[in-house]
Amino acid sequence: MAEITLNSLAHTYLPNPASPEDYAIREMNHVWHQGGAYALLGPSGCGKSTLLNIISGLLEPSSGDVLFDGERVNALPPEARNIAQVFQFPVIYDTMTVYDNLAFPLRNVKTPEAKVHERVMEVAEVLELTPQLKRKAKNLTADEKQKVSMGRGLVREDVSAILFDEPLTVIDPQLKWKLRRKLKEIHQRFEITMVYVTHDQLEASTFADKIAVMYEGQVVQFGTPRELFEAPNHTFVGYFIGSPGMNFLEVATRDGRVMAGETVLEVGKGVHDAVAGARSANIKLGIRPEFIEVHPEPVDGAMEARVEHAQDLGTYSIVYLTLGGISLKARIEEDQPTPTGRAWLRFPDDRLGLYVDEYRVEFDHE
């Protein structure tokens, strides 16, 4: 197992980069601690797979260093880093049995056969592959093949880390949840450093203790699923995490009030002073749909909004609203009445986030 450190790391595919936009990975410093379960989360094109390939040794960075336990490994190939990588599509030998596929990485480094058998049986049991051990890999289902591919990464005890590059893409939806939980169990049992790349926030939250959210080649926040939800560090994190994502309102102060366009927002003095004190033309307030209070009748401190429509999702509903000229989404639980026509909204001050130039700014809500 290894602690993986990225030191001033950057990468571009262009020979003469002229601006930050020319970099697939913008300069970053980051640490994956030994034995941790991490997810690298972001949309297509944000740099996730590029970063994973740099860590594994399939790609050498344009600048900066990759350190394994403090040792620079930039020039080392994957096999010298003791890295196991599991790709979107299973990498297995179809003509071999499942047993021989799992045994191959151990036999390749001249492991005694008794130890090979012990380790193969242990990994097969964890992955629920024991009944398939004598079958040819070509006869397996897609999810079974991917489990074999995962097992090939797990079977070596000296592996520094296992890197998963969207490994459940080809798996049927009903099996994804089971495999995500299985990976979590595997991590807890073997305590191997694992980095899991995905664009699916549910996959990331199910698997990882901490998630690195990538946007335009940068890690814009690194935290627990709860931290990403409750205190997004960047507007992209607020938008990307949650279903639906965070509401953002462009704001300014005028005549002692906080305004979103021509709409007066009912907020406390702490929020007003924070917005007034921000030195930028790019100021936003963010609030999760879950935290907007929706009332069917007028209440103190509430703002009147128009109800456009509601989407009933069983245990809760998403209400689409217009406040002045601003579109908002609110989540209400099944025991709450769903408003029609008009509703009155309150934004609890302690649930509002202030974003200046897209990044979260802490302030005193009092």
Protein backbone atom coordinates (compact mmCIF):
# COMPACT_ATOMS: atom_id res chain seq x y z
CA MET A 1 0.00 0.00 0.00
CA ALA A 2 1.19 3.52 -0.68
CA GLU A 3 0.54 7.16 0.06
CA ILE A 4 0.26 8.90 -3.30
CA THR A 5 1.25 12.58 -3.49
CA LEU A 6 0.77 14.87 -6.47
CA ASN A 7 3.21 17.76 -6.22
CA SER A 8 2.65 20.79 -8.53
CA LEU A 9 1.30 18.33 -11.09
CA ALA A 10 0.10 19.58 -14.48
CA HIS A 11 -0.42 18.05 -17.89
CA THR A 12 -1.15 19.23 -21.41
CA TYR A 13 -1.50 17.38 -24.68
CA LEU A 14 -0.46 20.48 -26.64
CA PRO A 15 3.18 21.22 -27.58
CA ASN A 16 2.96 24.95 -26.77
CA PRO A 17 0.25 25.64 -24.19
CA ALA A 18 -0.57 29.35 -23.95
CA SER A 19 -3.29 29.51 -21.29
CA PRO A 20 -4.78 27.47 -18.40
CA GLU A 21 -7.50 26.25 -20.79
CA ASP A 22 -4.78 24.40 -22.76
CA TYR A 23 -4.14 22.05 -19.82
CA ALA A 24 -6.03 18.80 -19.26
CA ILE A 25 -4.72 18.92 -15.67
CA ARG A 26 -4.07 22.36 -14.23
CA GLU A 27 -1.41 22.63 -11.55
CA MET A 28 -2.52 20.76 -8.46
CA ASN A 29 -1.21 19.47 -5.14
CA HIS A 30 -3.03 16.51 -3.69
CA VAL A 31 -2.54 13.53 -1.36
CA TRP A 32 -4.21 10.12 -1.38
CA HIS A 33 -3.43 8.68 2.06
CA GLN A 34 -2.40 5.07 2.51
CA GLY A 35 -5.30 2.66 2.82
CA GLY A 36 -7.97 5.21 1.93
CA ALA A 37 -11.02 4.70 -0.28
CA TYR A 38 -11.26 7.67 -2.63
CA ALA A 39 -13.42 8.67 -5.57
CA LEU A 40 -12.44 11.02 -8.38
CA LEU A 41 -15.75 12.52 -9.51
CA GLY A 42 -16.58 14.83 -12.39
CA PRO A 43 -18.16 15.15 -15.83
CA SER A 44 -16.68 13.80 -19.06
CA GLY A 45 -13.67 15.81 -20.18
CA CYS A 46 -12.75 17.21 -16.75
CA GLY A 47 -9.41 15.33 -16.59
CA LYS A 48 -10.30 12.31 -14.41
CA SER A 49 -8.89 9.59 -16.65
CA THR A 50 -5.83 11.69 -17.52
CA LEU A 51 -5.04 12.05 -13.83
CA LEU A 52 -5.58 8.33 -13.21
CA ASN A 53 -3.27 7.42 -16.09
CA ILE A 54 -0.58 9.72 -14.67
CA ILE A 55 -0.84 8.05 -11.26
CA SER A 56 -0.67 4.57 -12.80
CA GLY A 57 2.30 5.38 -15.05
CA LEU A 58 0.51 5.06 -18.39
CA LEU A 59 1.17 8.77 -18.94
CA GLU A 60 4.07 10.98 -17.82
CA PRO A 61 3.03 14.44 -16.60
CA SER A 62 4.14 17.60 -18.42
CA SER A 63 5.34 19.07 -15.13
CA GLY A 64 5.36 18.32 -11.42
CA ASP A 65 5.89 15.07 -9.58
CA VAL A 66 4.06 11.89 -8.60
CA LEU A 67 5.36 10.50 -5.30
CA PHE A 68 4.71 7.06 -3.83
CA ASP A 69 5.56 7.11 -0.12
CA GLY A 70 7.74 10.15 -0.78
CA GLU A 71 9.64 8.60 -3.70
CA ARG A 72 9.39 10.24 -7.15
CA VAL A 73 7.98 7.74 -9.68
CA ASN A 74 7.43 9.91 -12.79
CA ALA A 75 9.64 7.75 -14.99
CA LEU A 76 8.58 4.37 -13.59
CA PRO A 77 6.31 2.19 -15.76
CA PRO A 78 3.09 0.76 -14.25
CA GLU A 79 4.60 -2.63 -13.45
CA ALA A 80 7.34 -0.97 -11.39
CA ARG A 81 4.78 0.97 -9.35
CA ASN A 82 2.86 -2.14 -8.21
CA ILE A 83 -0.34 -0.50 -9.41
CA ALA A 84 -3.41 -2.49 -10.39
CA GLN A 85 -5.82 -0.76 -12.75
CA VAL A 86 -9.38 -1.88 -13.51
CA PHE A 87 -10.82 -0.36 -16.69
CA GLN A 88 -14.35 0.21 -18.03
CA PHE A 89 -14.11 -2.99 -20.02
CA PRO A 90 -12.83 -6.17 -18.32
CA VAL A 91 -9.21 -7.11 -19.05
CA ILE A 92 -9.08 -10.89 -18.74
CA TYR A 93 -7.88 -13.93 -20.68
CA ASP A 94 -10.96 -15.51 -22.26
CA THR A 95 -9.30 -18.88 -22.92
CA MET A 96 -8.21 -19.31 -19.29
CA THR A 97 -10.38 -20.48 -16.43
CA VAL A 98 -11.43 -18.00 -13.78
CA TYR A 99 -8.96 -19.67 -11.39
CA ASP A 100 -6.05 -19.22 -13.81
CA ASN A 101 -7.04 -15.60 -14.52
CA LEU A 102 -6.90 -14.82 -10.80
CA ALA A 103 -3.68 -16.78 -10.36
CA PHE A 104 -1.88 -15.18 -13.31
CA PRO A 105 -0.56 -12.02 -11.56
CA LEU A 106 0.86 -14.16 -8.74
CA ARG A 107 2.40 -16.78 -11.01
CA ASN A 108 3.90 -13.98 -13.09
CA VAL A 109 6.03 -12.96 -10.09
CA LYS A 110 6.96 -16.59 -9.25
CA THR A 111 4.73 -16.91 -6.17
CA PRO A 112 4.78 -20.44 -4.65
CA GLU A 113 1.76 -22.43 -5.85
CA ALA A 114 0.48 -23.08 -2.33
CA LYS A 115 0.34 -19.34 -1.72
CA VAL A 116 -1.27 -18.81 -5.13
CA HIS A 117 -4.07 -21.23 -4.24
CA GLU A 118 -4.62 -19.70 -0.81
CA ARG A 119 -4.86 -16.18 -2.19
CA VAL A 120 -7.04 -17.10 -5.20
CA MET A 121 -9.53 -18.89 -2.99
CA GLU A 122 -9.68 -15.95 -0.57
CA VAL A 123 -10.32 -13.39 -3.32
CA ALA A 124 -12.80 -15.67 -5.11
CA GLU A 125 -14.79 -16.04 -1.90
CA VAL A 126 -14.92 -12.28 -1.34
CA LEU A 127 -16.06 -11.66 -4.93
CA GLU A 128 -18.50 -14.58 -4.91
CA LEU A 129 -16.63 -16.23 -7.77
CA THR A 130 -15.95 -19.60 -6.14
CA PRO A 131 -18.63 -21.47 -8.16
CA GLN A 132 -17.11 -20.11 -11.41
CA LEU A 133 -13.45 -20.97 -10.73
CA LYS A 134 -13.34 -23.89 -13.19
CA ARG A 135 -15.25 -22.10 -15.97
CA LYS A 136 -13.60 -20.53 -18.99
CA ALA A 137 -13.72 -16.74 -18.72
CA LYS A 138 -15.28 -16.42 -22.18
CA ASN A 139 -18.46 -18.06 -20.83
CA LEU A 140 -19.01 -15.51 -18.06
CA THR A 141 -21.54 -12.67 -17.97
CA ALA A 142 -20.33 -9.05 -18.18
CA ASP A 143 -20.55 -8.50 -14.43
CA GLU A 144 -18.75 -11.78 -13.69
CA LYS A 145 -15.96 -10.79 -16.09
CA GLN A 146 -15.60 -7.44 -14.38
CA LYS A 147 -15.42 -9.17 -11.00
CA VAL A 148 -12.59 -11.35 -12.36
CA SER A 149 -10.85 -8.19 -13.58
CA MET A 150 -11.21 -6.68 -10.11
CA GLY A 151 -9.94 -9.90 -8.55
CA ARG A 152 -6.77 -9.78 -10.64
CA GLY A 153 -6.06 -6.41 -9.02
CA LEU A 154 -6.82 -7.63 -5.52
CA VAL A 155 -4.98 -10.92 -5.57
CA ARG A 156 -1.47 -9.47 -5.10
CA GLU A 157 -0.80 -8.53 -1.50
CA ASP A 158 2.09 -6.21 -2.43
CA VAL A 159 -0.03 -3.94 -4.64
CA SER A 160 0.47 -0.23 -3.83
CA ALA A 161 -2.99 0.87 -4.95
CA ILE A 162 -5.90 -0.17 -7.12
CA LEU A 163 -7.22 2.37 -9.60
CA PHE A 164 -10.74 1.90 -10.96
CA ASP A 165 -11.61 3.75 -14.19
CA GLU A 166 -15.45 3.75 -14.36
CA PRO A 167 -15.51 -0.05 -13.86
CA LEU A 168 -19.30 -0.43 -13.72
CA THR A 169 -20.12 1.29 -17.03
CA VAL A 170 -20.93 -1.99 -18.79
CA ILE A 171 -22.75 -3.55 -15.82
CA ASP A 172 -26.54 -3.89 -15.79
CA PRO A 173 -28.14 -1.26 -13.52
CA GLN A 174 -29.64 -3.81 -11.12
CA LEU A 175 -26.17 -5.27 -10.47
CA LYS A 176 -24.34 -1.97 -10.00
CA TRP A 177 -25.53 -1.40 -6.45
CA LYS A 178 -24.42 -4.89 -5.40
CA LEU A 179 -20.97 -4.48 -6.93
CA ARG A 180 -20.52 -1.02 -5.39
CA ARG A 181 -21.25 -2.48 -1.96
CA LYS A 182 -18.92 -5.40 -2.71
CA LEU A 183 -16.06 -3.00 -3.48
CA LYS A 184 -16.70 -1.22 -0.18
CA GLU A 185 -16.54 -4.55 1.67
CA ILE A 186 -13.32 -5.45 -0.15
CA HIS A 187 -11.70 -2.18 0.87
CA GLN A 188 -12.68 -2.65 4.50
CA ARG A 189 -11.26 -6.18 4.47
CA PHE A 190 -7.96 -5.60 2.63
CA GLU A 191 -7.34 -1.89 3.47
CA ILE A 192 -5.73 -1.22 0.10
CA THR A 193 -5.47 2.35 -1.22
CA MET A 194 -8.27 2.58 -3.79
CA VAL A 195 -9.06 5.41 -6.19
CA TYR A 196 -12.34 5.10 -8.08
CA VAL A 197 -13.02 7.31 -11.12
CA THR A 198 -16.65 7.99 -12.01
CA HIS A 199 -19.07 10.61 -13.29
CA ASP A 200 -21.84 9.14 -11.09
CA GLN A 201 -22.22 10.82 -7.69
CA LEU A 202 -24.10 7.82 -6.28
CA GLU A 203 -21.25 5.48 -7.18
CA ALA A 204 -18.75 7.88 -5.62
CA SER A 205 -20.75 8.32 -2.41
CA THR A 206 -21.39 4.58 -2.02
CA PHE A 207 -17.76 3.59 -2.47
CA ALA A 208 -15.61 6.40 -1.12
CA ASP A 209 -14.82 7.83 2.30
CA LYS A 210 -13.63 11.01 0.57
CA ILE A 211 -14.41 12.38 -2.88
CA ALA A 212 -12.27 14.65 -5.06
CA VAL A 213 -14.55 16.63 -7.38
CA MET A 214 -12.84 17.66 -10.62
CA TYR A 215 -13.84 20.56 -12.83
CA GLU A 216 -11.88 21.89 -15.81
CA GLY A 217 -8.72 20.02 -14.86
CA GLN A 218 -8.74 20.99 -11.18
CA VAL A 219 -9.80 19.37 -7.93
CA VAL A 220 -12.23 22.04 -6.72
CA GLN A 221 -13.17 20.21 -3.52
CA PHE A 222 -11.95 17.21 -1.58
CA GLY A 223 -14.22 16.03 1.20
CA THR A 224 -16.73 13.54 2.54
CA PRO A 225 -20.06 13.08 0.73
CA ARG A 226 -21.71 15.03 3.53
CA GLU A 227 -19.26 17.94 3.23
CA LEU A 228 -19.82 18.13 -0.53
CA PHE A 229 -23.56 18.24 -0.01
CA GLU A 230 -23.80 20.60 2.93
CA ALA A 231 -20.92 22.99 2.14
CA PRO A 232 -19.95 22.89 -1.55
CA ASN A 233 -16.67 24.76 -1.97
CA HIS A 234 -17.42 25.79 -5.58
CA THR A 235 -20.60 26.51 -7.48
CA PHE A 236 -19.87 23.54 -9.75
CA VAL A 237 -19.84 21.19 -6.75
CA GLY A 238 -23.18 22.60 -5.61
CA TYR A 239 -24.62 22.10 -9.08
CA PHE A 240 -23.10 18.65 -9.67
CA ILE A 241 -23.78 17.09 -6.26
CA GLY A 242 -27.41 16.55 -5.31
CA SER A 243 -30.55 15.67 -7.24
CA PRO A 244 -31.52 18.26 -8.20
CA GLY A 245 -28.46 20.41 -7.68
CA MET A 246 -28.12 23.61 -5.68
CA ASN A 247 -30.05 26.78 -6.54
CA PHE A 248 -27.84 29.80 -7.23
CA LEU A 249 -29.02 33.41 -7.27
CA GLU A 250 -26.85 36.27 -8.56
CA VAL A 251 -27.09 38.97 -5.92
CA ALA A 252 -26.03 42.50 -4.98
CA THR A 253 -27.03 45.03 -2.30
CA ARG A 254 -29.15 48.10 -3.00
CA ASP A 255 -30.79 50.52 -0.55
CA GLY A 256 -29.97 48.25 2.36
CA ARG A 257 -31.54 45.16 0.79
CA VAL A 258 -30.13 42.05 -0.86
CA MET A 259 -31.39 41.93 -4.43
CA ALA A 260 -31.50 39.12 -6.99
CA GLY A 261 -32.08 41.19 -10.11
CA GLU A 262 -35.17 43.24 -9.23
CA THR A 263 -36.32 40.79 -6.55
CA VAL A 264 -35.83 41.61 -2.88
CA LEU A 265 -34.57 38.63 -0.90
CA GLU A 266 -35.67 38.25 2.71
CA VAL A 267 -32.40 37.47 4.47
CA GLY A 268 -30.79 38.40 7.79
CA LYS A 269 -28.29 41.12 8.58
CA GLY A 270 -25.34 38.71 8.50
CA VAL A 271 -26.14 37.64 4.94
CA HIS A 272 -26.69 41.28 3.88
CA ASP A 273 -23.38 42.43 5.36
CA ALA A 274 -21.48 39.54 3.75
CA VAL A 275 -22.92 40.31 0.31
CA ALA A 276 -22.28 44.06 0.78
CA GLY A 277 -18.69 43.39 1.82
CA ALA A 278 -17.81 41.11 -1.10
CA ARG A 279 -15.44 42.86 -3.50
CA SER A 280 -16.57 41.37 -6.78
CA ALA A 281 -19.26 41.70 -9.41
CA ASN A 282 -19.71 37.93 -9.33
CA ILE A 283 -21.60 37.20 -6.12
CA LYS A 284 -24.08 34.36 -5.67
CA LEU A 285 -26.16 32.94 -2.87
CA GLY A 286 -26.67 29.19 -2.98
CA ILE A 287 -29.30 27.07 -1.28
CA ARG A 288 -30.15 23.40 -1.64
CA PRO A 289 -33.70 22.47 -2.77
CA GLU A 290 -33.96 20.45 0.46
CA PHE A 291 -33.40 23.55 2.61
CA ILE A 292 -35.95 25.93 1.05
CA GLU A 293 -39.01 26.23 3.26
CA VAL A 294 -42.18 26.05 1.13
CA HIS A 295 -45.43 27.32 2.67
CA PRO A 296 -48.90 27.23 1.09
CA GLU A 297 -49.90 30.46 2.90
CA PRO A 298 -48.08 33.73 3.71
CA VAL A 299 -45.74 33.58 6.74
CA ASP A 300 -43.36 36.11 8.28
CA GLY A 301 -40.15 36.62 6.33
CA ALA A 302 -41.38 34.62 3.32
CA MET A 303 -41.29 35.61 -0.35
CA GLU A 304 -44.16 34.98 -2.72
CA ALA A 305 -43.36 32.74 -5.68
CA ARG A 306 -45.27 31.23 -8.58
CA VAL A 307 -45.57 27.44 -8.74
CA GLU A 308 -44.84 26.25 -12.28
CA HIS A 309 -45.30 22.53 -11.70
CA ALA A 310 -44.43 19.69 -9.33
CA GLN A 311 -42.82 16.34 -9.99
CA ASP A 312 -44.05 13.55 -7.70
CA LEU A 313 -41.22 11.10 -7.01
CA GLY A 314 -43.01 8.95 -4.46
CA THR A 315 -41.44 9.71 -1.08
CA TYR A 316 -40.89 13.36 -2.03
CA SER A 317 -41.74 15.91 -4.72
CA ILE A 318 -39.67 18.47 -6.60
CA VAL A 319 -41.51 21.77 -6.96
CA TYR A 320 -40.47 24.11 -9.78
CA LEU A 321 -40.96 27.75 -8.82
CA THR A 322 -40.40 31.26 -10.13
CA LEU A 323 -39.38 33.98 -7.66
CA GLY A 324 -39.50 37.28 -9.53
CA GLY A 325 -37.69 36.26 -12.70
CA ILE A 326 -35.63 33.54 -11.02
CA SER A 327 -36.24 29.81 -11.49
CA LEU A 328 -35.86 27.68 -8.36
CA LYS A 329 -36.36 24.08 -7.33
CA ALA A 330 -37.52 22.98 -3.89
CA ARG A 331 -37.89 19.52 -2.42
CA ILE A 332 -40.86 18.74 -0.19
CA GLU A 333 -41.48 15.49 1.64
CA GLU A 334 -44.54 13.29 1.02
CA ASP A 335 -46.24 14.39 4.24
CA GLN A 336 -46.17 18.05 3.15
CA PRO A 337 -48.94 19.49 0.96
CA THR A 338 -47.83 20.24 -2.59
CA PRO A 339 -48.67 23.88 -3.34
CA THR A 340 -50.42 24.98 -6.53
CA GLY A 341 -50.57 28.42 -8.07
CA ARG A 342 -48.62 30.32 -5.42
CA ALA A 343 -46.26 29.47 -2.57
CA TRP A 344 -44.29 31.41 0.02
CA LEU A 345 -40.62 30.67 0.39
CA ARG A 346 -38.16 31.17 3.20
CA PHE A 347 -34.38 30.80 2.93
CA PRO A 348 -32.99 29.94 6.39
CA ASP A 349 -29.86 32.06 6.83
CA ASP A 350 -27.83 29.15 8.18
CA ARG A 351 -28.54 27.16 5.02
CA LEU A 352 -27.39 29.88 2.62
CA GLY A 353 -23.92 29.72 1.08
CA LEU A 354 -22.10 32.80 -0.23
CA TYR A 355 -20.05 32.36 -3.42
CA VAL A 356 -17.66 35.03 -4.65
CA ASP A 357 -16.07 34.41 -8.05
CA GLU A 358 -17.60 30.89 -7.88
CA TYR A 359 -15.86 29.89 -4.61
CA ARG A 360 -17.54 29.59 -1.22
CA VAL A 361 -16.80 32.30 1.32
CA GLU A 362 -17.47 31.70 4.99
CA PHE A 363 -19.24 34.46 6.90
CA ASP A 364 -21.00 35.13 10.20
CA HIS A 365 -24.73 34.50 9.79
CA GLU A 366 -25.62 36.49 12.93
